[in-house]
C-alpha atoms as a PDB file:
ATOM      1  CA  MET A   1      15.516  10.991  -9.150  1.00  0.00           C
ATOM      2  CA  THR A   2      13.485  13.942  -8.168  1.00  0.00           C
ATOM      3  CA  ASN A   3      10.936  13.843  -5.483  1.00  0.00           C
ATOM      4  CA  GLU A   4       8.124  14.036  -7.873  1.00  0.00           C
ATOM      5  CA  GLU A   5       9.737  11.156  -9.564  1.00  0.00           C
ATOM      6  CA  LYS A   6      10.015   9.087  -6.482  1.00  0.00           C
ATOM      7  CA  GLN A   7       6.215   9.619  -5.471  1.00  0.00           C
ATOM      8  CA  LYS A   8       5.207   8.564  -9.058  1.00  0.00           C
ATOM      9  CA  GLU A   9       7.023   5.450  -8.434  1.00  0.00           C
ATOM     10  CA  ILE A  10       5.452   5.075  -5.004  1.00  0.00           C
ATOM     11  CA  ILE A  11       1.946   5.497  -6.612  1.00  0.00           C
ATOM     12  CA  GLU A  12       2.528   2.998  -9.346  1.00  0.00           C
ATOM     13  CA  ILE A  13       3.920   0.549  -6.610  1.00  0.00           C
ATOM     14  CA  VAL A  14       0.850   1.029  -4.426  1.00  0.00           C
ATOM     15  CA  LYS A  15      -1.510   0.628  -7.570  1.00  0.00           C
ATOM     16  CA  ALA A  16       0.193  -2.527  -8.605  1.00  0.00           C
ATOM     17  CA  ARG A  17      -0.398  -3.935  -5.119  1.00  0.00           C
ATOM     18  CA  LEU A  18      -4.269  -2.772  -5.254  1.00  0.00           C
ATOM     19  CA  SER A  19      -4.830  -4.148  -8.645  1.00  0.00           C
ATOM     20  CA  ILE A  20      -4.178  -7.894  -7.426  1.00  0.00           C
ATOM     21  CA  LEU A  21      -6.961  -7.457  -4.914  1.00  0.00           C
ATOM     22  CA  PRO A  22     -10.233  -9.509  -5.927  1.00  0.00           C
ATOM     23  CA  ALA A  23     -12.547  -7.336  -8.297  1.00  0.00           C
ATOM     24  CA  ASP A  24     -15.243  -7.505  -5.391  1.00  0.00           C
ATOM     25  CA  ALA A  25     -12.705  -6.323  -2.409  1.00  0.00           C
ATOM     26  CA  VAL A  26     -13.941  -3.730  -0.143  1.00  0.00           C
ATOM     27  CA  LEU A  27     -11.472  -1.801   1.925  1.00  0.00           C
ATOM     28  CA  SER A  28     -12.351   0.055   5.042  1.00  0.00           C
ATOM     29  CA  MET A  29     -10.551   3.235   5.731  1.00  0.00           C
ATOM     30  CA  GLY A  30     -11.897   4.227   8.977  1.00  0.00           C
ATOM     31  CA  SER A  31     -13.721   7.465   9.260  1.00  0.00           C
ATOM     32  CA  PHE A  32     -13.510   7.900   5.265  1.00  0.00           C
ATOM     33  CA  GLY A  33     -15.690   4.840   4.945  1.00  0.00           C
ATOM     34  CA  GLU A  34     -15.583   1.748   2.730  1.00  0.00           C
ATOM     35  CA  PHE A  35     -14.213   1.750  -0.956  1.00  0.00           C
ATOM     36  CA  LYS A  36     -14.415  -0.718  -3.611  1.00  0.00           C
ATOM     37  CA  LYS A  37     -11.061  -1.770  -5.321  1.00  0.00           C
ATOM     38  CA  ASP A  38     -11.510   0.661  -8.556  1.00  0.00           C
ATOM     39  CA  GLN A  39     -12.647   3.541  -5.905  1.00  0.00           C
ATOM     40  CA  ILE A  40      -9.442   3.203  -4.060  1.00  0.00           C
ATOM     41  CA  ILE A  41      -7.064   3.054  -6.872  1.00  0.00           C
ATOM     42  CA  ASN A  42      -8.831   6.126  -8.246  1.00  0.00           C
ATOM     43  CA  GLU A  43      -8.305   7.800  -4.905  1.00  0.00           C
ATOM     44  CA  VAL A  44      -4.536   6.989  -4.973  1.00  0.00           C
ATOM     45  CA  GLU A  45      -4.265   8.274  -8.793  1.00  0.00           C
ATOM     46  CA  ASN A  46      -6.013  11.471  -7.806  1.00  0.00           C
ATOM     47  CA  ASN A  47      -3.936  12.086  -4.544  1.00  0.00           C
ATOM     48  CA  THR A  48      -7.034  12.823  -2.619  1.00  0.00           C
ATOM     49  CA  ASP A  49      -6.898  12.554   1.454  1.00  0.00           C
ATOM     50  CA  VAL A  50      -7.920   8.828   1.227  1.00  0.00           C
ATOM     51  CA  GLY A  51      -5.207   8.311  -1.473  1.00  0.00           C
ATOM     52  CA  LYS A  52      -2.634   9.679   0.383  1.00  0.00           C
ATOM     53  CA  LYS A  53      -3.611   7.737   3.397  1.00  0.00           C
ATOM     54  CA  VAL A  54      -3.466   4.308   1.324  1.00  0.00           C
ATOM     55  CA  VAL A  55      -0.153   5.097  -0.010  1.00  0.00           C
ATOM     56  CA  GLU A  56       1.126   5.755   3.677  1.00  0.00           C
ATOM     57  CA  VAL A  57      -0.481   2.523   4.874  1.00  0.00           C
ATOM     58  CA  GLN A  58       0.999   0.645   1.991  1.00  0.00           C
ATOM     59  CA  MET A  59       4.311   2.023   2.275  1.00  0.00           C
ATOM     60  CA  GLU A  60       4.565   1.290   6.175  1.00  0.00           C
ATOM     61  CA  TYR A  61       3.654  -2.049   5.423  1.00  0.00           C
ATOM     62  CA  LEU A  62       6.345  -2.810   3.005  1.00  0.00           C
ATOM     63  CA  GLN A  63       8.748  -1.053   5.208  1.00  0.00           C
ATOM     64  CA  MET A  64       7.915  -3.294   8.107  1.00  0.00           C
ATOM     65  CA  LEU A  65       8.012  -6.490   5.659  1.00  0.00           C
ATOM     66  CA  LYS A  66      11.532  -5.359   4.661  1.00  0.00           C
ATOM     67  CA  LYS A  67      12.588  -4.945   8.394  1.00  0.00           C
ATOM     68  CA  GLY A  68      11.306  -8.327   9.202  1.00  0.00           C
ATOM     69  CA  ILE A  69       8.688  -7.165  11.592  1.00  0.00           C
ATOM     70  CA  PHE A  70       6.239  -9.996  10.617  1.00  0.00           C
ATOM     71  CA  TYR A  71       8.815 -12.643  11.210  1.00  0.00           C
ATOM     72  CA  GLY A  72      10.050 -12.742  14.902  1.00  0.00           C
ATOM     73  CA  GLU A  73      13.480 -14.054  15.851  1.00  0.00           C
ATOM     74  CA  SER A  74      11.664 -17.508  16.729  1.00  0.00           C
ATOM     75  CA  SER A  75      10.555 -17.965  13.008  1.00  0.00           C
ATOM     76  CA  SER A  76      11.941 -20.671  10.980  1.00  0.00           C
ATOM     77  CA  TYR A  77      11.893 -18.246   8.069  1.00  0.00           C
ATOM     78  CA  GLN A  78      15.088 -16.713   7.481  1.00  0.00           C
ATOM     79  CA  THR A  79      15.957 -13.954   4.998  1.00  0.00           C
ATOM     80  CA  THR A  80      19.209 -14.183   3.037  1.00  0.00           C
ATOM     81  CA  LEU A  81      19.402 -10.869   1.249  1.00  0.00           C
END
């Protein structure tokens, strides 16, 4: 898989995650301002600075989730993967 193909796949994953937000959801992107759900998906699709930041944040979140960062050692939740 080429880097371009990987990037397209990542964008599709991020868009899928964003698509499940409520229609009236508004995301605050710090100094970039606030964006409605459709606006933020458009930013991701167009690979703008805002879109790139959204992709970066979403991928960091998914990587932390995979590593179990959100579930401390004392948590009763255990992964079996």
